[in-house]
Amino acid sequence: MTGLEVAVIASATMVATDIVSTVQIMASARNRGWLAGWLDTAGWLVAITTTTLTVTALQGSSFSEKAWVIVLVSAANLFGTKLGQVIGTKYVKDMTVEQRLANLEAVALNDNH
């Protein structure tokens, strides 16, 4: 595999890493713990692939191949996070007002007993 091919694959995995991580953060912020946990697990699998590809390329490639990895993975960071925000906004929904009120009432009742 050429350095450019590795850079393209590493940038694709970085986009996936950022999408999963951004949606995970949104799920955590919206009290969606199980979803956040599953996304954290999936994100780790993708992130370790990204790390393996980039570290391998940066250790044993020519300067131009290293530059491709750095440029493409850096761009993937930016666009992957934005794409994750767009996806998360569409699919990670917050609790309704009624659900929040019920949770607050349950906490208040537990604090009084």
Protein backbone atom coordinates (compact mmCIF):
# COMPACT_ATOMS: atom_id res chain seq x y z
CA MET A 1 0.00 0.00 0.00
CA THR A 2 1.35 3.43 -0.88
CA GLY A 3 1.70 6.27 1.58
CA LEU A 4 -1.10 8.18 -0.11
CA GLU A 5 -3.42 5.16 0.17
CA VAL A 6 -2.59 4.84 3.87
CA ALA A 7 -3.24 8.56 4.32
CA VAL A 8 -6.65 8.29 2.64
CA ILE A 9 -7.64 5.25 4.73
CA ALA A 10 -6.37 6.92 7.93
CA SER A 11 -8.35 10.06 7.15
CA ALA A 12 -11.50 8.00 6.52
CA THR A 13 -11.10 6.25 9.86
CA MET A 14 -10.52 9.65 11.51
CA VAL A 15 -13.79 10.93 10.06
CA ALA A 16 -15.53 7.87 11.53
CA THR A 17 -13.77 8.39 14.86
CA ASP A 18 -14.88 12.02 15.04
CA ILE A 19 -18.45 11.26 14.03
CA VAL A 20 -18.81 8.57 16.69
CA SER A 21 -17.09 10.69 19.35
CA THR A 22 -19.18 13.78 18.64
CA VAL A 23 -22.45 11.84 18.72
CA GLN A 24 -21.25 10.13 21.92
CA ILE A 25 -20.70 13.50 23.61
CA MET A 26 -24.13 14.67 22.48
CA ALA A 27 -25.71 11.48 23.84
CA SER A 28 -23.92 11.93 27.18
CA ALA A 29 -25.06 15.54 27.42
CA ARG A 30 -28.64 14.44 26.84
CA ASN A 31 -28.58 11.76 29.55
CA ARG A 32 -28.48 8.89 27.06
CA GLY A 33 -25.96 6.79 28.95
CA TRP A 34 -26.41 3.47 27.19
CA LEU A 35 -26.16 5.05 23.78
CA ALA A 36 -23.07 6.98 24.87
CA GLY A 37 -21.51 3.77 26.19
CA TRP A 38 -22.11 1.85 22.98
CA LEU A 39 -20.74 4.73 20.95
CA ASP A 40 -17.69 4.92 23.22
CA THR A 41 -17.00 1.25 22.58
CA ALA A 42 -17.43 1.60 18.81
CA GLY A 43 -15.37 4.77 18.82
CA TRP A 44 -12.46 3.06 20.53
CA LEU A 45 -12.37 0.37 17.86
CA VAL A 46 -12.24 2.95 15.08
CA ALA A 47 -9.79 5.19 16.96
CA ILE A 48 -7.28 2.41 17.53
CA THR A 49 -7.37 1.67 13.80
CA THR A 50 -6.71 5.35 13.05
CA THR A 51 -3.87 5.43 15.56
CA THR A 52 -2.27 2.26 14.18
CA LEU A 53 -2.40 3.53 10.60
CA THR A 54 -1.09 6.99 11.37
CA VAL A 55 1.69 5.92 13.72
CA THR A 56 2.87 3.26 11.28
CA ALA A 57 2.89 5.77 8.42
CA LEU A 58 4.68 8.42 10.46
CA GLN A 59 7.36 6.01 11.62
CA GLY A 60 8.44 4.46 8.37
CA SER A 61 7.46 6.60 5.41
CA SER A 62 9.05 9.26 3.29
CA PHE A 63 8.56 12.91 4.19
CA SER A 64 5.89 13.39 1.50
CA GLU A 65 3.93 10.38 2.74
CA LYS A 66 4.10 11.70 6.30
CA ALA A 67 2.90 15.10 5.06
CA TRP A 68 -0.08 13.47 3.31
CA VAL A 69 -1.03 11.65 6.50
CA ILE A 70 -0.80 14.81 8.57
CA VAL A 71 -2.74 16.97 6.10
CA LEU A 72 -5.51 14.48 5.34
CA VAL A 73 -6.03 13.30 8.92
CA SER A 74 -6.08 16.92 10.15
CA ALA A 75 -8.73 17.81 7.55
CA ALA A 76 -10.66 14.69 8.55
CA ASN A 77 -10.66 15.91 12.15
CA LEU A 78 -12.36 19.15 11.18
CA PHE A 79 -14.93 17.73 8.81
CA GLY A 80 -15.61 14.59 10.85
CA THR A 81 -16.52 16.61 13.93
CA LYS A 82 -18.89 18.84 11.95
CA LEU A 83 -20.46 15.81 10.29
CA GLY A 84 -20.86 14.17 13.71
CA GLN A 85 -22.65 17.28 14.99
CA VAL A 86 -25.04 17.20 12.01
CA ILE A 87 -25.76 13.48 12.50
CA GLY A 88 -26.07 13.80 16.28
CA THR A 89 -28.53 16.68 16.01
CA LYS A 90 -30.69 14.57 13.73
CA TYR A 91 -30.66 11.32 15.71
CA VAL A 92 -29.84 12.02 19.38
CA LYS A 93 -32.98 13.47 20.88
CA ASP A 94 -33.29 15.12 24.24
CA MET A 95 -35.86 14.13 26.84
CA THR A 96 -39.24 15.81 26.61
CA VAL A 97 -40.25 18.42 29.17
CA GLU A 98 -42.57 15.85 30.74
CA GLN A 99 -39.73 13.34 31.13
CA ARG A 100 -37.48 15.97 32.69
CA LEU A 101 -40.21 17.04 35.10
CA ALA A 102 -40.88 13.43 36.11
CA ASN A 103 -37.16 12.91 36.76
CA LEU A 104 -36.94 16.09 38.83
CA GLU A 105 -40.00 15.09 40.86
CA ALA A 106 -38.55 11.64 41.49
CA VAL A 107 -35.28 13.18 42.73
CA ALA A 108 -37.19 15.61 44.96
CA LEU A 109 -39.26 12.79 46.44
CA ASN A 110 -36.13 10.71 47.13
CA ASP A 111 -34.41 13.68 48.79
CA ASN A 112 -37.38 14.17 51.14
CA HIS A 113 -37.40 10.58 52.38
